[in-house]
Amino acid sequence: KDGSIQACKVEAWGNGGCTHDFSGFLFAEYAEAVPSVYGWGGNFCIDVHGMKTNLPSNSAVRSFGNPQGMFTTETIIEHVANTLGKTHEEIRERNLLTKSTAVTPWKQQMEFFNADMLYAKIKADAGYTTRAAAVEEFNRANRWRKRGLSAVPICYGHSYVYAAGSGALVNIHGSDGSVTVFHGGCEIGQGIHIKVAQVAALTLGCDLNAVKVGETNTDVVPNMRFTGGSITSEVCCEAVRRACLDLNATLEPHRKFLREKKQKEIAADPARAGESSEPSFPEVAAAANSVLAHQEKLSATGIFAPTTNKYTTDVEGNPNGKPFHGDYFTFGAAVSEVELDVLTGQTQVLRSDVLFDVGQSINPGIDIAQIEGAFCWGIGYYLHEEPLFDLKGMDRTQGVWEYKPPMASEMPLEFAVELLRDNPYPKGILGSKAVGEPPFMLAYSVLGAVKKAIGSARKDAGASATYDLPMPCTPDALQRACAVTVDQMAC
């Protein structure tokens, strides 16, 4: 009864709508997401049944399958905790994998596993123990307003299958040393253009403002894959980097000649002592290709098509990768504190702290913004956005009067996001990892805190510690879960 889970079997039914759309991949992602960062006693089984219904089909969206998986996983953890009279964190920590035990139920090693370290660090950094005691004191003093504090870890499996094979074209203009880059990804607000430009500038050794990223165009870069799965940015960055390496090989003889020439000039002129002999990038480009001079081909293509998952094949169609859906994992953890109005079900996120491992970030500003955006989207997904349909399958939530996306008032009053420092990913693109989708699930820390607040309200009401909540957990569902009755309000 220490909370060590010995085995787990999950049977799930997924609403696939009236057409197949992307449901197959979503259910696969869901099945691989449910095990999460827990060991399950080494005995885990999941069956997912896709159902055709009379409802509109839904396509894939950020972290598809994984938010549902996180809800399933943590609901199991919480149910065990409530049944045993322990905190949710006690059960999480009791069953949390470690670097030496981090293997998925399908026998894939979770390389560079650090979810346990991130979880412990964010709890310490956020002052979890002290704040948990303060929350308990608040709840003892208040009947109709309750607080909760929750800490959750996550892992997220990334698969290159969605974007692998996307190419890039890099052109250097000898006239002024400017660089034009085309790549196979779509800029949809995730910052792929700036990351690609940064990688081009870093690899070529030119100024960032000399790099222009062209519009996505299949006439220029054919055979593009779709932008999704969080990994398109890194795939395109690596394709660009490879093209730039080819261009560097072309430029190097000219760079060497100009460097040696400048060294002789500096040596011959005492007034130039200490001057750098390194030629500028425009000088090298002009030497390589200019009118009435040398005519190098300053155009190169690159492609990144890793063979590290089960979908890649040789020329005969035989699998030549590893027998797994995913390629690598990212990890993170979060702590959130909320206040719940027991009578209305309204919530306020008081504070959220997030720690995430993106390896060596290519652009920390973009990556932190991606974490913030994913987290806030997750708050809406878990607590507010509920599509409602009538018996004929008609959508009855067309508009924000009925459908409630998260607004500014739903955001944490205090919100701190940190990237794990000094931790480059050895197998990543320039040491980086993907970031777009995984932090979505860290918003479960908000829902986990809400559930703790509900638990306090139910204790005051004399109700059972175990209960069920739908998803999303909208205010009306939260209010009902608090088990408030009229007789409790007697003076």
Protein backbone atom coordinates (compact mmCIF):
# COMPACT_ATOMS: atom_id res chain seq x y z
CA LYS A 1 0.00 0.00 0.00
CA ASP A 2 2.92 2.33 -0.54
CA GLY A 3 1.45 3.35 -3.90
CA SER A 4 3.76 1.32 -6.14
CA ILE A 5 1.63 0.43 -9.15
CA GLN A 6 2.19 -3.20 -10.13
CA ALA A 7 0.35 -3.28 -13.46
CA CYS A 8 -1.93 -1.17 -15.63
CA LYS A 9 -4.33 -2.04 -18.42
CA VAL A 10 -6.08 0.76 -20.31
CA GLU A 11 -8.91 0.28 -22.79
CA ALA A 12 -9.93 3.44 -24.61
CA TRP A 13 -12.48 4.39 -27.25
CA GLY A 14 -11.72 7.31 -29.55
CA ASN A 15 -14.30 9.42 -31.36
CA GLY A 16 -13.07 9.42 -34.96
CA GLY A 17 -16.00 11.40 -36.37
CA CYS A 18 -17.63 10.61 -39.70
CA THR A 19 -14.40 10.23 -41.73
CA HIS A 20 -10.99 8.74 -41.03
CA ASP A 21 -9.03 11.99 -41.35
CA PHE A 22 -6.01 11.76 -38.99
CA SER A 23 -7.60 9.56 -36.35
CA GLY A 24 -5.31 6.57 -36.91
CA PHE A 25 -2.16 8.49 -36.09
CA LEU A 26 -3.89 10.27 -33.22
CA PHE A 27 -4.82 6.98 -31.57
CA ALA A 28 -1.24 5.73 -32.06
CA GLU A 29 0.10 8.87 -30.41
CA TYR A 30 -2.42 8.49 -27.59
CA ALA A 31 -1.41 4.89 -26.97
CA GLU A 32 2.28 5.81 -26.75
CA ALA A 33 1.56 8.86 -24.57
CA VAL A 34 -0.33 7.11 -21.77
CA PRO A 35 2.67 5.27 -20.24
CA SER A 36 4.34 8.68 -19.79
CA VAL A 37 7.20 8.81 -17.25
CA TYR A 38 5.95 6.00 -15.01
CA GLY A 39 7.07 2.39 -14.68
CA TRP A 40 3.71 0.63 -14.08
CA GLY A 41 5.54 -2.25 -12.44
CA GLY A 42 6.83 -3.30 -15.84
CA ASN A 43 3.34 -4.48 -16.78
CA PHE A 44 1.46 -2.12 -19.08
CA CYS A 45 -1.11 -2.80 -21.76
CA ILE A 46 -3.33 -0.46 -23.77
CA ASP A 47 -6.02 -1.06 -26.39
CA VAL A 48 -7.47 1.86 -28.35
CA HIS A 49 -10.63 1.46 -30.41
CA GLY A 50 -11.42 4.06 -33.06
CA MET A 51 -15.12 4.71 -33.54
CA LYS A 52 -16.97 6.13 -36.52
CA THR A 53 -19.68 8.49 -35.30
CA ASN A 54 -22.19 11.01 -36.66
CA LEU A 55 -20.01 13.94 -35.59
CA PRO A 56 -17.70 16.08 -37.74
CA SER A 57 -14.18 14.69 -38.05
CA ASN A 58 -11.37 16.55 -36.34
CA SER A 59 -7.93 16.87 -37.85
CA ALA A 60 -4.64 16.89 -35.99
CA VAL A 61 -3.68 19.88 -33.89
CA ARG A 62 -0.88 20.70 -31.48
CA SER A 63 0.35 17.54 -29.67
CA PHE A 64 -2.62 15.49 -30.92
CA GLY A 65 -3.29 12.40 -28.82
CA ASN A 66 -0.92 13.44 -26.06
CA PRO A 67 -3.20 15.79 -24.06
CA GLN A 68 -5.80 13.04 -23.94
CA GLY A 69 -3.09 10.59 -22.92
CA MET A 70 -1.88 12.90 -20.14
CA PHE A 71 -5.44 13.18 -18.82
CA THR A 72 -5.77 9.40 -18.72
CA THR A 73 -2.37 8.86 -17.11
CA GLU A 74 -2.68 11.43 -14.36
CA THR A 75 -6.29 10.49 -13.61
CA ILE A 76 -5.05 6.96 -12.87
CA ILE A 77 -2.27 8.32 -10.66
CA GLU A 78 -4.71 10.59 -8.81
CA HIS A 79 -7.26 7.81 -8.33
CA VAL A 80 -4.60 5.60 -6.73
CA ALA A 81 -3.55 8.49 -4.47
CA ASN A 82 -7.11 9.34 -3.42
CA THR A 83 -7.92 5.70 -2.73
CA LEU A 84 -4.83 5.25 -0.55
CA GLY A 85 -5.16 8.59 1.19
CA LYS A 86 -1.84 9.84 -0.18
CA THR A 87 -0.96 12.98 -2.12
CA HIS A 88 -0.84 12.84 -5.89
CA GLU A 89 2.84 13.76 -5.78
CA GLU A 90 3.65 10.82 -3.50
CA ILE A 91 2.25 8.39 -6.06
CA ARG A 92 3.97 10.17 -8.95
CA GLU A 93 7.31 10.05 -7.23
CA ARG A 94 6.86 6.43 -6.14
CA ASN A 95 6.29 5.32 -9.76
CA LEU A 96 8.52 7.79 -11.62
CA LEU A 97 11.12 6.27 -13.93
CA THR A 98 14.81 7.04 -13.50
CA LYS A 99 17.66 7.18 -16.00
CA SER A 100 18.49 3.52 -15.29
CA THR A 101 14.89 2.30 -15.66
CA ALA A 102 13.68 4.59 -18.47
CA VAL A 103 12.39 2.09 -21.01
CA THR A 104 8.98 2.29 -22.71
CA PRO A 105 6.52 -0.64 -22.63
CA TRP A 106 7.51 -1.30 -26.27
CA LYS A 107 11.17 -1.63 -25.19
CA GLN A 108 12.48 1.65 -26.56
CA GLN A 109 15.22 3.24 -24.47
CA MET A 110 14.36 6.79 -23.38
CA GLU A 111 17.82 8.17 -23.98
CA PHE A 112 19.07 11.05 -21.84
CA PHE A 113 16.07 10.67 -19.53
CA ASN A 114 15.92 13.50 -17.00
CA ALA A 115 12.22 13.92 -16.16
CA ASP A 116 12.91 12.91 -12.55
CA MET A 117 15.60 15.56 -12.21
CA LEU A 118 13.44 18.24 -13.82
CA TYR A 119 10.54 17.32 -11.55
CA ALA A 120 12.67 17.56 -8.42
CA LYS A 121 14.27 20.81 -9.57
CA ILE A 122 11.02 22.62 -10.40
CA LYS A 123 9.53 21.57 -7.05
CA ALA A 124 12.54 23.00 -5.26
CA ASP A 125 12.74 26.16 -7.38
CA ALA A 126 9.02 26.84 -7.00
CA GLY A 127 9.11 26.35 -3.22
CA TYR A 128 6.62 23.51 -3.43
CA THR A 129 6.87 22.24 0.15
CA THR A 130 6.40 25.64 1.79
CA ARG A 131 3.59 26.61 -0.56
CA ALA A 132 1.81 23.27 -0.10
CA ALA A 133 1.67 23.95 3.64
CA ALA A 134 0.30 27.44 2.98
CA VAL A 135 -2.37 25.97 0.69
CA GLU A 136 -3.42 23.53 3.42
CA GLU A 137 -3.71 26.40 5.89
CA PHE A 138 -5.78 28.44 3.42
CA ASN A 139 -8.15 25.54 2.85
CA ARG A 140 -8.66 24.97 6.56
CA ALA A 141 -9.64 28.64 6.95
CA ASN A 142 -11.96 28.86 3.91
CA ARG A 143 -15.05 26.81 3.07
CA TRP A 144 -16.17 28.32 -0.22
CA ARG A 145 -12.84 29.15 -1.79
CA LYS A 146 -10.22 26.44 -2.09
CA ARG A 147 -6.68 26.28 -3.40
CA GLY A 148 -4.63 23.51 -4.91
CA LEU A 149 -0.95 23.04 -5.75
CA SER A 150 0.20 20.42 -8.20
CA ALA A 151 3.51 19.29 -9.72
CA VAL A 152 3.64 17.10 -12.83
CA PRO A 153 6.41 15.70 -15.04
CA ILE A 154 6.09 14.82 -18.72
CA CYS A 155 7.87 13.08 -21.54
CA TYR A 156 7.02 13.48 -25.21
CA GLY A 157 8.08 11.23 -28.05
CA HIS A 158 9.07 12.92 -31.31
CA SER A 159 8.96 11.21 -34.69
CA TYR A 160 10.82 12.53 -37.72
CA VAL A 161 8.35 10.75 -40.02
CA TYR A 162 6.20 13.87 -40.33
CA ALA A 163 8.86 16.16 -41.79
CA ALA A 164 11.81 13.95 -42.71
CA GLY A 165 12.96 14.53 -46.27
CA SER A 166 12.20 18.25 -46.39
CA GLY A 167 14.92 20.01 -48.32
CA ALA A 168 16.48 23.44 -48.59
CA LEU A 169 18.05 25.67 -51.23
CA VAL A 170 20.68 28.24 -50.27
CA ASN A 171 21.88 30.88 -52.74
CA ILE A 172 24.78 33.26 -52.13
CA HIS A 173 24.82 36.45 -54.17
CA GLY A 174 28.34 37.41 -55.16
CA SER A 175 27.38 41.03 -55.85
CA ASP A 176 26.82 41.92 -52.18
CA GLY A 177 27.31 38.77 -50.10
CA SER A 178 23.62 38.45 -49.28
CA VAL A 179 22.10 35.00 -48.84
CA THR A 180 18.67 33.75 -49.86
CA VAL A 181 17.31 30.60 -48.24
CA PHE A 182 14.32 28.51 -49.26
CA HIS A 183 13.21 25.55 -47.16
CA GLY A 184 10.43 22.98 -46.96
CA GLY A 185 8.63 24.26 -43.87
CA CYS A 186 5.75 26.69 -43.44
CA GLU A 187 6.08 29.65 -41.11
CA ILE A 188 2.97 29.48 -38.94
CA GLY A 189 4.18 31.56 -36.04
CA GLN A 190 6.61 29.01 -34.61
CA GLY A 191 9.67 31.01 -35.71
CA ILE A 192 10.99 28.54 -38.29
CA HIS A 193 12.18 31.32 -40.63
CA ILE A 194 14.33 33.03 -38.02
CA LYS A 195 15.81 29.73 -36.82
CA VAL A 196 16.67 28.77 -40.39
CA ALA A 197 18.24 32.18 -40.98
CA GLN A 198 20.27 31.88 -37.78
CA VAL A 199 21.62 28.47 -38.77
CA ALA A 200 22.54 29.75 -42.24
CA ALA A 201 24.34 32.79 -40.81
CA LEU A 202 26.14 30.72 -38.18
CA THR A 203 27.29 28.06 -40.66
CA LEU A 204 28.35 30.43 -43.42
CA GLY A 205 29.86 33.01 -41.08
CA CYS A 206 27.83 35.93 -42.43
CA ASP A 207 25.72 38.54 -40.66
CA LEU A 208 22.18 37.50 -39.78
CA ASN A 209 20.78 40.58 -41.49
CA ALA A 210 22.40 39.40 -44.73
CA VAL A 211 20.12 36.33 -44.81
CA LYS A 212 16.70 36.48 -46.40
CA VAL A 213 14.27 33.56 -46.13
CA GLY A 214 12.10 33.13 -49.21
CA GLU A 215 8.46 32.16 -49.25
CA THR A 216 7.59 28.47 -49.04
CA ASN A 217 7.27 27.30 -52.63
CA THR A 218 7.18 23.77 -54.05
CA ASP A 219 8.48 25.11 -57.37
CA VAL A 220 11.72 25.99 -55.56
CA VAL A 221 11.96 23.19 -52.99
CA PRO A 222 10.09 20.11 -54.22
CA ASN A 223 8.88 17.12 -52.23
CA MET A 224 8.13 19.08 -49.09
CA ARG A 225 6.73 17.21 -46.13
CA PHE A 226 4.11 18.73 -43.91
CA THR A 227 4.85 21.17 -41.13
CA GLY A 228 3.94 19.42 -37.90
CA GLY A 229 5.07 17.14 -35.11
CA SER A 230 7.24 19.91 -33.61
CA ILE A 231 10.28 18.74 -35.58
CA THR A 232 9.94 20.65 -38.87
CA SER A 233 12.09 23.52 -37.63
CA GLU A 234 15.00 21.26 -36.77
CA VAL A 235 14.65 19.22 -39.98
CA CYS A 236 14.74 22.39 -42.09
CA CYS A 237 17.59 23.85 -40.04
CA GLU A 238 19.66 20.73 -40.65
CA ALA A 239 18.83 20.73 -44.37
CA VAL A 240 19.99 24.35 -44.56
CA ARG A 241 23.11 23.59 -42.53
CA ARG A 242 24.09 20.80 -44.92
CA ALA A 243 23.62 23.05 -47.93
CA CYS A 244 25.75 25.71 -46.24
CA LEU A 245 28.50 23.20 -45.52
CA ASP A 246 28.68 22.44 -49.25
CA LEU A 247 28.90 26.16 -49.97
CA ASN A 248 31.64 26.57 -47.38
CA ALA A 249 33.68 23.94 -49.21
CA THR A 250 33.28 25.98 -52.40
CA LEU A 251 34.20 29.23 -50.66
CA GLU A 252 37.15 27.94 -48.65
CA PRO A 253 39.85 28.24 -51.38
CA HIS A 254 38.84 31.87 -51.97
CA ARG A 255 38.72 32.58 -48.24
CA LYS A 256 42.18 31.04 -47.82
CA PHE A 257 43.63 33.06 -50.69
CA LEU A 258 42.18 36.33 -49.40
CA ARG A 259 43.36 35.57 -45.86
CA GLU A 260 46.94 34.88 -46.99
CA LYS A 261 46.93 37.95 -49.21
CA LYS A 262 45.73 40.14 -46.37
CA GLN A 263 48.30 38.66 -43.99
CA LYS A 264 51.08 39.72 -46.38
CA GLU A 265 49.60 43.22 -46.72
CA ILE A 266 49.36 43.62 -42.94
CA ALA A 267 52.90 42.35 -42.46
CA ALA A 268 54.17 44.89 -44.98
CA ASP A 269 52.44 47.85 -43.33
CA PRO A 270 53.35 48.55 -39.65
CA ALA A 271 50.34 50.87 -39.37
CA ARG A 272 48.06 47.85 -39.79
CA ALA A 273 49.62 45.82 -36.98
CA GLY A 274 46.99 43.88 -35.02
CA GLU A 275 44.46 44.07 -37.83
CA SER A 276 42.49 40.88 -38.49
CA SER A 277 43.47 39.04 -41.63
CA GLU A 278 40.10 37.30 -41.89
CA PRO A 279 38.22 38.44 -45.02
CA SER A 280 34.61 39.54 -44.71
CA PHE A 281 31.89 37.30 -46.06
CA PRO A 282 30.97 39.75 -48.89
CA GLU A 283 34.64 39.80 -49.91
CA VAL A 284 34.77 36.02 -50.08
CA ALA A 285 31.49 35.83 -52.01
CA ALA A 286 32.70 38.46 -54.51
CA ALA A 287 35.96 36.61 -55.00
CA ALA A 288 34.08 33.37 -55.69
CA ASN A 289 31.60 34.80 -58.15
CA SER A 290 31.67 38.19 -59.84
CA VAL A 291 31.41 39.62 -63.33
CA LEU A 292 34.64 39.35 -65.33
CA ALA A 293 36.20 37.22 -62.60
CA HIS A 294 35.78 33.78 -61.05
CA GLN A 295 32.46 31.98 -61.60
CA GLU A 296 31.81 29.51 -58.79
CA LYS A 297 28.38 27.93 -58.34
CA LEU A 298 27.17 29.60 -55.17
CA SER A 299 23.97 27.62 -54.91
CA ALA A 300 23.48 24.39 -52.96
CA THR A 301 20.71 22.13 -51.78
CA GLY A 302 20.47 20.10 -48.62
CA ILE A 303 18.16 17.43 -47.28
CA PHE A 304 17.73 15.80 -43.89
CA ALA A 305 16.15 12.36 -43.94
CA PRO A 306 17.12 10.43 -40.78
CA THR A 307 16.60 6.68 -40.74
CA THR A 308 15.92 6.25 -37.04
CA ASN A 309 12.28 5.11 -37.00
CA LYS A 310 10.25 2.26 -38.44
CA TYR A 311 8.93 4.21 -41.42
CA THR A 312 12.15 4.60 -43.42
CA THR A 313 13.04 2.06 -46.10
CA ASP A 314 15.81 1.13 -48.52
CA VAL A 315 15.38 1.26 -52.30
CA GLU A 316 13.57 -2.09 -52.22
CA GLY A 317 11.07 -0.90 -49.64
CA ASN A 318 12.59 -2.83 -46.74
CA PRO A 319 12.61 -1.08 -43.34
CA ASN A 320 16.09 0.19 -42.52
CA GLY A 321 15.43 2.10 -39.32
CA LYS A 322 14.73 1.16 -35.73
CA PRO A 323 11.45 -0.69 -34.99
CA PHE A 324 9.85 2.28 -33.22
CA HIS A 325 7.37 5.01 -34.11
CA GLY A 326 9.37 7.75 -32.40
CA ASP A 327 12.95 8.96 -32.67
CA TYR A 328 13.69 10.69 -29.36
CA PHE A 329 12.06 12.15 -26.25
CA THR A 330 11.81 15.55 -24.62
CA PHE A 331 11.13 16.09 -20.93
CA GLY A 332 9.74 18.79 -18.68
CA ALA A 333 7.95 19.55 -15.44
CA ALA A 334 5.64 22.21 -14.04
CA VAL A 335 4.13 23.40 -10.76
CA SER A 336 0.83 25.32 -10.68
CA GLU A 337 -1.30 26.83 -7.95
CA VAL A 338 -4.97 27.69 -8.43
CA GLU A 339 -7.88 29.09 -6.48
CA LEU A 340 -11.36 27.62 -6.99
CA ASP A 341 -14.71 29.23 -6.23
CA VAL A 342 -16.59 26.25 -4.82
CA LEU A 343 -20.02 27.78 -5.47
CA THR A 344 -19.50 28.69 -9.14
CA GLY A 345 -16.68 26.46 -10.36
CA GLN A 346 -14.70 29.48 -11.56
CA THR A 347 -10.93 29.18 -11.28
CA GLN A 348 -7.98 31.54 -11.16
CA VAL A 349 -4.46 30.34 -11.88
CA LEU A 350 -2.37 32.07 -9.25
CA ARG A 351 1.05 30.92 -10.39
CA SER A 352 2.70 28.50 -12.79
CA ASP A 353 6.38 27.54 -12.96
CA VAL A 354 7.66 25.57 -15.95
CA LEU A 355 11.04 23.92 -16.55
CA PHE A 356 11.71 22.34 -19.92
CA ASP A 357 14.62 20.61 -21.63
CA VAL A 358 15.16 21.72 -25.23
CA GLY A 359 18.83 20.77 -25.27
CA GLN A 360 20.95 23.64 -26.56
CA SER A 361 18.30 26.09 -27.72
CA ILE A 362 18.83 27.59 -31.18
CA ASN A 363 16.76 30.59 -30.13
CA PRO A 364 15.77 30.80 -26.44
CA GLY A 365 13.34 33.67 -27.04
CA ILE A 366 11.35 31.65 -29.57
CA ASP A 367 11.48 28.47 -27.49
CA ILE A 368 10.29 30.16 -24.30
CA ALA A 369 7.45 31.80 -26.23
CA GLN A 370 6.51 28.40 -27.67
CA ILE A 371 6.37 26.95 -24.15
CA GLU A 372 4.24 29.83 -22.90
CA GLY A 373 1.85 29.54 -25.84
CA ALA A 374 1.51 25.78 -25.58
CA PHE A 375 0.91 25.98 -21.83
CA CYS A 376 -1.79 28.61 -22.19
CA TRP A 377 -3.45 26.65 -24.98
CA GLY A 378 -3.42 23.63 -22.68
CA ILE A 379 -5.24 25.57 -19.97
CA GLY A 380 -8.03 26.21 -22.47
CA TYR A 381 -8.07 22.60 -23.60
CA TYR A 382 -8.28 21.11 -20.12
CA LEU A 383 -10.58 23.64 -18.45
CA HIS A 384 -12.59 25.73 -20.90
CA GLU A 385 -13.02 24.69 -24.54
CA GLU A 386 -15.96 22.31 -24.80
CA PRO A 387 -17.55 21.59 -28.19
CA LEU A 388 -21.19 20.58 -27.76
CA PHE A 389 -23.30 18.67 -30.29
CA ASP A 390 -26.98 17.80 -30.42
CA LEU A 391 -28.40 14.35 -31.15
CA LYS A 392 -28.21 15.01 -34.90
CA GLY A 393 -24.48 15.76 -34.71
CA MET A 394 -24.92 19.50 -35.17
CA ASP A 395 -22.38 21.79 -33.53
CA ARG A 396 -24.11 23.93 -30.89
CA THR A 397 -21.02 25.89 -29.86
CA GLN A 398 -20.51 28.11 -32.88
CA GLY A 399 -19.15 31.29 -31.36
CA VAL A 400 -17.57 32.43 -28.13
CA TRP A 401 -20.94 32.85 -26.39
CA GLU A 402 -21.14 29.06 -26.12
CA TYR A 403 -17.53 28.03 -26.83
CA LYS A 404 -15.02 29.47 -24.36
CA PRO A 405 -11.39 29.80 -25.46
CA PRO A 406 -9.00 30.93 -22.72
CA MET A 407 -8.66 34.69 -22.42
CA ALA A 408 -6.26 36.94 -20.52
CA SER A 409 -8.23 36.40 -17.32
CA GLU A 410 -7.51 32.66 -17.48
CA MET A 411 -3.75 33.10 -17.65
CA PRO A 412 -1.52 32.60 -14.58
CA LEU A 413 -1.11 35.77 -12.52
CA GLU A 414 2.54 34.77 -12.12
CA PHE A 415 4.16 32.78 -14.91
CA ALA A 416 7.81 31.70 -14.94
CA VAL A 417 9.34 29.62 -17.74
CA GLU A 418 12.91 28.35 -17.68
CA LEU A 419 14.93 26.29 -20.15
CA LEU A 420 17.26 23.70 -18.64
CA ARG A 421 20.73 25.17 -19.03
CA ASP A 422 24.01 23.66 -20.19
CA ASN A 423 22.43 20.49 -21.50
CA PRO A 424 23.02 20.07 -25.26
CA TYR A 425 21.38 17.05 -26.84
CA PRO A 426 24.26 15.06 -28.42
CA LYS A 427 22.09 13.69 -31.23
CA GLY A 428 20.20 16.91 -31.91
CA ILE A 429 20.53 19.59 -34.58
CA LEU A 430 23.23 21.86 -33.16
CA GLY A 431 22.48 20.21 -29.81
CA SER A 432 18.81 21.25 -29.80
CA LYS A 433 15.49 19.47 -29.25
CA ALA A 434 11.97 20.17 -30.47
CA VAL A 435 9.69 22.39 -28.40
CA GLY A 436 6.37 23.29 -30.03
CA GLU A 437 3.97 20.65 -28.74
CA PRO A 438 5.24 19.00 -25.51
CA PRO A 439 4.66 21.91 -23.07
CA PHE A 440 0.94 21.71 -23.89
CA MET A 441 0.65 18.80 -21.45
CA LEU A 442 2.34 20.71 -18.64
CA ALA A 443 -0.90 22.68 -18.39
CA TYR A 444 -2.22 19.57 -16.68
CA SER A 445 -0.48 20.95 -13.59
CA VAL A 446 -3.29 23.53 -13.55
CA LEU A 447 -5.99 20.88 -13.77
CA GLY A 448 -4.15 18.78 -11.19
CA ALA A 449 -4.21 21.74 -8.81
CA VAL A 450 -7.93 22.25 -9.48
CA LYS A 451 -8.58 18.61 -8.62
CA LYS A 452 -6.77 19.07 -5.31
CA ALA A 453 -8.93 22.11 -4.56
CA ILE A 454 -12.00 20.00 -5.35
CA GLY A 455 -10.69 17.32 -3.03
CA SER A 456 -10.56 19.83 -0.17
CA ALA A 457 -14.13 20.99 -0.92
CA ARG A 458 -15.38 17.40 -1.01
CA LYS A 459 -13.70 16.68 2.31
CA ASP A 460 -15.54 19.62 3.88
CA ALA A 461 -18.77 18.35 2.32
CA GLY A 462 -18.25 14.86 3.70
CA ALA A 463 -18.10 13.40 0.17
CA SER A 464 -15.92 10.56 -1.11
CA ALA A 465 -12.31 11.38 -1.97
CA THR A 466 -12.67 9.61 -5.32
CA TYR A 467 -14.74 11.11 -8.13
CA ASP A 468 -14.80 11.43 -11.90
CA LEU A 469 -14.45 14.52 -14.07
CA PRO A 470 -15.11 14.87 -17.78
CA MET A 471 -12.70 16.55 -20.15
CA PRO A 472 -12.69 19.46 -20.55
CA CYS A 473 -13.34 20.21 -16.88
CA THR A 474 -15.52 23.27 -17.39
CA PRO A 475 -16.80 25.43 -14.49
CA ASP A 476 -20.14 23.63 -14.28
CA ALA A 477 -18.41 20.26 -14.00
CA LEU A 478 -16.03 21.61 -11.35
CA GLN A 479 -18.89 23.06 -9.34
CA ARG A 480 -20.80 19.77 -9.40
CA ALA A 481 -17.68 17.86 -8.38
CA CYS A 482 -17.43 19.96 -5.22
CA ALA A 483 -20.54 18.14 -3.91
CA VAL A 484 -22.22 21.32 -2.63
CA THR A 485 -25.78 20.89 -1.34
CA VAL A 486 -28.28 23.44 -0.02
CA ASP A 487 -28.19 22.10 3.52
CA GLN A 488 -24.44 22.92 3.70
CA MET A 489 -25.29 26.63 3.45
CA ALA A 490 -27.47 26.81 6.55
CA CYS A 491 -26.54 29.60 8.92
